PDB file of all heavy atoms in Angstrom:
ATOM      1  N   LEU A   1      83.700 103.835  94.346  1.00  0.00           N
ATOM      2  CA  LEU A   1      82.613 104.364  95.169  1.00  0.00           C
ATOM      3  C   LEU A   1      81.592 105.106  94.319  1.00  0.00           C
ATOM      4  O   LEU A   1      81.956 105.904  93.458  1.00  0.00           O
ATOM      5  CB  LEU A   1      83.160 105.339  96.221  1.00  0.00           C
ATOM      6  CG  LEU A   1      84.018 104.778  97.349  1.00  0.00           C
ATOM      7  CD1 LEU A   1      84.520 105.924  98.215  1.00  0.00           C
ATOM      8  CD2 LEU A   1      83.232 103.781  98.191  1.00  0.00           C
ATOM      9  N   GLY A   2      80.315 104.836  94.574  1.00  0.00           N
ATOM     10  CA  GLY A   2      79.268 105.709  94.092  1.00  0.00           C
ATOM     11  C   GLY A   2      79.054 106.792  95.141  1.00  0.00           C
ATOM     12  O   GLY A   2      79.595 106.708  96.244  1.00  0.00           O
ATOM     13  N   CYS A   3      78.275 107.813  94.811  1.00  0.00           N
ATOM     14  CA  CYS A   3      78.144 108.903  95.788  1.00  0.00           C
ATOM     15  C   CYS A   3      76.815 108.898  96.529  1.00  0.00           C
ATOM     16  O   CYS A   3      76.631 109.676  97.473  1.00  0.00           O
ATOM     17  CB  CYS A   3      78.347 110.261  95.113  1.00  0.00           C
ATOM     18  SG  CYS A   3      77.079 110.692  93.915  1.00  0.00           S
ATOM     19  N   GLU A   4      75.873 107.995  96.140  1.00  0.00           N
ATOM     20  CA  GLU A   4      74.563 108.044  96.789  1.00  0.00           C
ATOM     21  C   GLU A   4      74.641 107.722  98.275  1.00  0.00           C
ATOM     22  O   GLU A   4      73.802 108.157  99.060  1.00  0.00           O
ATOM     23  CB  GLU A   4      73.561 107.116  96.094  1.00  0.00           C
ATOM     24  CG  GLU A   4      73.896 105.642  96.126  1.00  0.00           C
ATOM     25  CD  GLU A   4      74.688 105.188  94.920  1.00  0.00           C
ATOM     26  OE1 GLU A   4      75.465 105.992  94.370  1.00  0.00           O
ATOM     27  OE2 GLU A   4      74.536 104.022  94.528  1.00  0.00           O
ATOM     28  N   GLY A   5      75.660 106.952  98.680  1.00  0.00           N
ATOM     29  CA  GLY A   5      75.813 106.623 100.091  1.00  0.00           C
ATOM     30  C   GLY A   5      76.215 107.802 100.954  1.00  0.00           C
ATOM     31  O   GLY A   5      76.151 107.724 102.192  1.00  0.00           O
ATOM     32  N   PHE A   6      76.617 108.901 100.317  1.00  0.00           N
ATOM     33  CA  PHE A   6      77.040 110.083 101.067  1.00  0.00           C
ATOM     34  C   PHE A   6      75.914 111.098 101.269  1.00  0.00           C
ATOM     35  O   PHE A   6      76.114 112.115 101.931  1.00  0.00           O
ATOM     36  CB  PHE A   6      78.214 110.767 100.356  1.00  0.00           C
ATOM     37  CG  PHE A   6      79.459 109.933 100.316  1.00  0.00           C
ATOM     38  CD1 PHE A   6      79.820 109.258  99.171  1.00  0.00           C
ATOM     39  CD2 PHE A   6      80.266 109.803 101.439  1.00  0.00           C
ATOM     40  CE1 PHE A   6      80.970 108.476  99.121  1.00  0.00           C
ATOM     41  CE2 PHE A   6      81.414 109.030 101.411  1.00  0.00           C
ATOM     42  CZ  PHE A   6      81.762 108.360 100.249  1.00  0.00           C
ATOM     43  N   VAL A   7      74.756 110.818 100.691  1.00  0.00           N
ATOM     44  CA  VAL A   7      73.618 111.722 100.861  1.00  0.00           C
ATOM     45  C   VAL A   7      73.245 111.802 102.342  1.00  0.00           C
ATOM     46  O   VAL A   7      73.165 110.786 103.038  1.00  0.00           O
ATOM     47  CB  VAL A   7      72.418 111.234 100.032  1.00  0.00           C
ATOM     48  CG1 VAL A   7      71.182 112.087 100.314  1.00  0.00           C
ATOM     49  CG2 VAL A   7      72.746 111.247  98.540  1.00  0.00           C
ATOM     50  N   LYS A   8      73.057 113.007 102.844  1.00  0.00           N
ATOM     51  CA  LYS A   8      72.669 113.291 104.234  1.00  0.00           C
ATOM     52  C   LYS A   8      73.754 112.926 105.264  1.00  0.00           C
ATOM     53  O   LYS A   8      73.496 112.943 106.472  1.00  0.00           O
ATOM     54  CB  LYS A   8      71.349 112.597 104.582  1.00  0.00           C
ATOM     55  CG  LYS A   8      70.168 113.084 103.752  1.00  0.00           C
ATOM     56  CD  LYS A   8      68.862 112.422 104.176  1.00  0.00           C
ATOM     57  CE  LYS A   8      67.704 112.949 103.342  1.00  0.00           C
ATOM     58  NZ  LYS A   8      66.423 112.305 103.707  1.00  0.00           N
ATOM     59  N   LYS A   9      74.947 112.601 104.801  1.00  0.00           N
ATOM     60  CA  LYS A   9      76.038 112.351 105.723  1.00  0.00           C
ATOM     61  C   LYS A   9      76.641 113.689 106.184  1.00  0.00           C
ATOM     62  O   LYS A   9      76.611 114.692 105.465  1.00  0.00           O
ATOM     63  CB  LYS A   9      77.139 111.515 105.049  1.00  0.00           C
ATOM     64  CG  LYS A   9      76.750 110.061 104.799  1.00  0.00           C
ATOM     65  CD  LYS A   9      76.803 109.263 106.085  1.00  0.00           C
ATOM     66  CE  LYS A   9      76.682 107.763 105.847  1.00  0.00           C
ATOM     67  NZ  LYS A   9      75.389 107.313 105.376  1.00  0.00           N
ATOM     68  N   THR A  10      77.187 113.704 107.387  1.00  0.00           N
ATOM     69  CA  THR A  10      77.897 114.894 107.863  1.00  0.00           C
ATOM     70  C   THR A  10      79.279 114.928 107.214  1.00  0.00           C
ATOM     71  O   THR A  10      79.721 113.959 106.588  1.00  0.00           O
ATOM     72  CB  THR A  10      78.071 114.850 109.388  1.00  0.00           C
ATOM     73  OG1 THR A  10      78.910 113.727 109.719  1.00  0.00           O
ATOM     74  CG2 THR A  10      76.725 114.711 110.073  1.00  0.00           C
ATOM     75  N   LYS A  11      79.978 116.045 107.406  1.00  0.00           N
ATOM     76  CA  LYS A  11      81.340 116.143 106.889  1.00  0.00           C
ATOM     77  C   LYS A  11      82.221 115.070 107.517  1.00  0.00           C
ATOM     78  O   LYS A  11      83.042 114.434 106.841  1.00  0.00           O
ATOM     79  CB  LYS A  11      81.919 117.530 107.188  1.00  0.00           C
ATOM     80  CG  LYS A  11      81.279 118.652 106.389  1.00  0.00           C
ATOM     81  CD  LYS A  11      81.777 120.023 106.846  1.00  0.00           C
ATOM     82  CE  LYS A  11      83.265 120.201 106.616  1.00  0.00           C
ATOM     83  NZ  LYS A  11      83.721 121.576 106.972  1.00  0.00           N
ATOM     84  N   GLU A  12      82.049 114.869 108.800  1.00  0.00           N
ATOM     85  CA  GLU A  12      82.877 113.893 109.517  1.00  0.00           C
ATOM     86  C   GLU A  12      82.605 112.471 109.037  1.00  0.00           C
ATOM     87  O   GLU A  12      83.534 111.667 108.871  1.00  0.00           O
ATOM     88  CB  GLU A  12      82.641 114.010 111.023  1.00  0.00           C
ATOM     89  CG  GLU A  12      83.142 115.304 111.662  1.00  0.00           C
ATOM     90  CD  GLU A  12      82.307 116.517 111.295  1.00  0.00           C
ATOM     91  OE1 GLU A  12      81.115 116.344 110.956  1.00  0.00           O
ATOM     92  OE2 GLU A  12      82.856 117.643 111.338  1.00  0.00           O
ATOM     93  N   GLU A  13      81.333 112.150 108.811  1.00  0.00           N
ATOM     94  CA  GLU A  13      80.975 110.809 108.324  1.00  0.00           C
ATOM     95  C   GLU A  13      81.504 110.588 106.906  1.00  0.00           C
ATOM     96  O   GLU A  13      81.981 109.500 106.560  1.00  0.00           O
ATOM     97  CB  GLU A  13      79.459 110.634 108.357  1.00  0.00           C
ATOM     98  CG  GLU A  13      78.883 110.525 109.760  1.00  0.00           C
ATOM     99  CD  GLU A  13      77.371 110.621 109.770  1.00  0.00           C
ATOM    100  OE1 GLU A  13      76.784 111.240 108.844  1.00  0.00           O
ATOM    101  OE2 GLU A  13      76.754 110.084 110.709  1.00  0.00           O
ATOM    102  N   THR A  14      81.417 111.637 106.093  1.00  0.00           N
ATOM    103  CA  THR A  14      81.944 111.569 104.732  1.00  0.00           C
ATOM    104  C   THR A  14      83.442 111.302 104.751  1.00  0.00           C
ATOM    105  O   THR A  14      83.952 110.436 104.021  1.00  0.00           O
ATOM    106  CB  THR A  14      81.654 112.877 103.979  1.00  0.00           C
ATOM    107  OG1 THR A  14      80.230 113.103 103.937  1.00  0.00           O
ATOM    108  CG2 THR A  14      82.211 112.843 102.566  1.00  0.00           C
ATOM    109  N   LEU A  15      84.135 112.028 105.602  1.00  0.00           N
ATOM    110  CA  LEU A  15      85.582 111.865 105.716  1.00  0.00           C
ATOM    111  C   LEU A  15      85.939 110.467 106.214  1.00  0.00           C
ATOM    112  O   LEU A  15      86.892 109.845 105.714  1.00  0.00           O
ATOM    113  CB  LEU A  15      86.160 112.917 106.667  1.00  0.00           C
ATOM    114  CG  LEU A  15      87.676 112.854 106.915  1.00  0.00           C
ATOM    115  CD1 LEU A  15      88.443 113.056 105.613  1.00  0.00           C
ATOM    116  CD2 LEU A  15      88.085 113.908 107.953  1.00  0.00           C
ATOM    117  N   GLU A  16      85.173 109.950 107.162  1.00  0.00           N
ATOM    118  CA  GLU A  16      85.462 108.629 107.718  1.00  0.00           C
ATOM    119  C   GLU A  16      85.400 107.549 106.637  1.00  0.00           C
ATOM    120  O   GLU A  16      86.291 106.691 106.543  1.00  0.00           O
ATOM    121  CB  GLU A  16      84.456 108.301 108.830  1.00  0.00           C
ATOM    122  CG  GLU A  16      84.666 106.925 109.451  1.00  0.00           C
ATOM    123  CD  GLU A  16      83.545 106.536 110.411  1.00  0.00           C
ATOM    124  OE1 GLU A  16      82.450 107.141 110.329  1.00  0.00           O
ATOM    125  OE2 GLU A  16      83.768 105.631 111.228  1.00  0.00           O
ATOM    126  N   ILE A  17      84.350 107.590 105.806  1.00  0.00           N
ATOM    127  CA  ILE A  17      84.198 106.578 104.758  1.00  0.00           C
ATOM    128  C   ILE A  17      85.297 106.718 103.714  1.00  0.00           C
ATOM    129  O   ILE A  17      85.920 105.728 103.298  1.00  0.00           O
ATOM    130  CB  ILE A  17      82.806 106.669 104.108  1.00  0.00           C
ATOM    131  CG1 ILE A  17      81.717 106.324 105.128  1.00  0.00           C
ATOM    132  CG2 ILE A  17      82.713 105.735 102.900  1.00  0.00           C
ATOM    133  CD1 ILE A  17      80.303 106.545 104.618  1.00  0.00           C
ATOM    134  N   LEU A  18      85.561 107.952 103.286  1.00  0.00           N
ATOM    135  CA  LEU A  18      86.571 108.159 102.256  1.00  0.00           C
ATOM    136  C   LEU A  18      87.970 107.817 102.761  1.00  0.00           C
ATOM    137  O   LEU A  18      88.796 107.278 102.015  1.00  0.00           O
ATOM    138  CB  LEU A  18      86.525 109.603 101.753  1.00  0.00           C
ATOM    139  CG  LEU A  18      85.337 109.940 100.843  1.00  0.00           C
ATOM    140  CD1 LEU A  18      85.254 111.440 100.598  1.00  0.00           C
ATOM    141  CD2 LEU A  18      85.441 109.200  99.512  1.00  0.00           C
ATOM    142  N   LYS A  19      88.231 108.108 104.014  1.00  0.00           N
ATOM    143  CA  LYS A  19      89.539 107.786 104.594  1.00  0.00           C
ATOM    144  C   LYS A  19      89.767 106.275 104.589  1.00  0.00           C
ATOM    145  O   LYS A  19      90.836 105.790 104.198  1.00  0.00           O
ATOM    146  CB  LYS A  19      89.645 108.333 106.019  1.00  0.00           C
ATOM    147  CG  LYS A  19      90.981 108.080 106.715  1.00  0.00           C
ATOM    148  CD  LYS A  19      90.998 108.764 108.084  1.00  0.00           C
ATOM    149  CE  LYS A  19      92.348 108.587 108.773  1.00  0.00           C
ATOM    150  NZ  LYS A  19      92.586 107.174 109.155  1.00  0.00           N
ATOM    151  N   ARG A  20      88.733 105.530 105.012  1.00  0.00           N
ATOM    152  CA  ARG A  20      88.878 104.083 105.045  1.00  0.00           C
ATOM    153  C   ARG A  20      88.961 103.520 103.625  1.00  0.00           C
ATOM    154  O   ARG A  20      89.694 102.563 103.360  1.00  0.00           O
ATOM    155  CB  ARG A  20      87.722 103.447 105.800  1.00  0.00           C
ATOM    156  CG  ARG A  20      87.928 101.955 106.067  1.00  0.00           C
ATOM    157  CD  ARG A  20      89.251 101.715 106.811  1.00  0.00           C
ATOM    158  NE  ARG A  20      89.557 100.313 106.951  1.00  0.00           N
ATOM    159  CZ  ARG A  20      89.203  99.572 108.007  1.00  0.00           C
ATOM    160  NH1 ARG A  20      88.511 100.126 109.003  1.00  0.00           N
ATOM    161  NH2 ARG A  20      89.532  98.309 108.071  1.00  0.00           N
ATOM    162  N   ALA A  21      88.210 104.127 102.704  1.00  0.00           N
ATOM    163  CA  ALA A  21      88.271 103.688 101.303  1.00  0.00           C
ATOM    164  C   ALA A  21      89.679 103.845 100.751  1.00  0.00           C
ATOM    165  O   ALA A  21      90.204 102.942 100.080  1.00  0.00           O
ATOM    166  CB  ALA A  21      87.283 104.491 100.459  1.00  0.00           C
ATOM    167  N   LYS A  22      90.300 104.969 101.044  1.00  0.00           N
ATOM    168  CA  LYS A  22      91.669 105.197 100.576  1.00  0.00           C
ATOM    169  C   LYS A  22      92.626 104.185 101.197  1.00  0.00           C
ATOM    170  O   LYS A  22      93.518 103.661 100.524  1.00  0.00           O
ATOM    171  CB  LYS A  22      92.096 106.628 100.909  1.00  0.00           C
ATOM    172  CG  LYS A  22      93.438 107.021 100.319  1.00  0.00           C
ATOM    173  CD  LYS A  22      93.739 108.500 100.552  1.00  0.00           C
ATOM    174  CE  LYS A  22      95.058 108.897  99.899  1.00  0.00           C
ATOM    175  NZ  LYS A  22      95.359 110.341 100.103  1.00  0.00           N
ATOM    176  N   GLU A  23      92.440 103.888 102.477  1.00  0.00           N
ATOM    177  CA  GLU A  23      93.281 102.897 103.157  1.00  0.00           C
ATOM    178  C   GLU A  23      93.130 101.510 102.528  1.00  0.00           C
ATOM    179  O   GLU A  23      94.082 100.723 102.500  1.00  0.00           O
ATOM    180  CB  GLU A  23      92.934 102.839 104.643  1.00  0.00           C
ATOM    181  CG  GLU A  23      93.319 104.084 105.417  1.00  0.00           C
ATOM    182  CD  GLU A  23      92.746 104.108 106.832  1.00  0.00           C
ATOM    183  OE1 GLU A  23      91.912 103.234 107.160  1.00  0.00           O
ATOM    184  OE2 GLU A  23      93.113 105.013 107.602  1.00  0.00           O
ATOM    185  N   GLU A  24      91.915 101.238 102.010  1.00  0.00           N
ATOM    186  CA  GLU A  24      91.648  99.944 101.377  1.00  0.00           C
ATOM    187  C   GLU A  24      92.153  99.878  99.940  1.00  0.00           C
ATOM    188  O   GLU A  24      92.091  98.824  99.301  1.00  0.00           O
ATOM    189  CB  GLU A  24      90.141  99.657 101.401  1.00  0.00           C
ATOM    190  CG  GLU A  24      89.570  99.402 102.781  1.00  0.00           C
ATOM    191  CD  GLU A  24      90.006  98.056 103.346  1.00  0.00           C
ATOM    192  OE1 GLU A  24      89.867  97.049 102.641  1.00  0.00           O
ATOM    193  OE2 GLU A  24      90.489  98.033 104.501  1.00  0.00           O
ATOM    194  N   GLY A  25      92.630 101.011  99.428  1.00  0.00           N
ATOM    195  CA  GLY A  25      93.170 101.037  98.072  1.00  0.00           C
ATOM    196  C   GLY A  25      92.220 101.534  97.009  1.00  0.00           C
ATOM    197  O   GLY A  25      92.548 101.533  95.818  1.00  0.00           O
ATOM    198  N   ILE A  26      91.026 101.968  97.394  1.00  0.00           N
ATOM    199  CA  ILE A  26      90.079 102.526  96.427  1.00  0.00           C
ATOM    200  C   ILE A  26      90.596 103.877  95.934  1.00  0.00           C
ATOM    201  O   ILE A  26      91.026 104.709  96.732  1.00  0.00           O
ATOM    202  CB  ILE A  26      88.685 102.675  97.062  1.00  0.00           C
ATOM    203  CG1 ILE A  26      88.082 101.289  97.321  1.00  0.00           C
ATOM    204  CG2 ILE A  26      87.756 103.505  96.182  1.00  0.00           C
ATOM    205  CD1 ILE A  26      86.750 101.304  98.037  1.00  0.00           C
TER     206      ILE A  26
END
């Protein structure tokens, strides 16, 4: 993951993406 996609995201949105990324094996 790069971090530019997290710019202006809320805490909840950030957590949602990272949670799914971890589930995918990232």
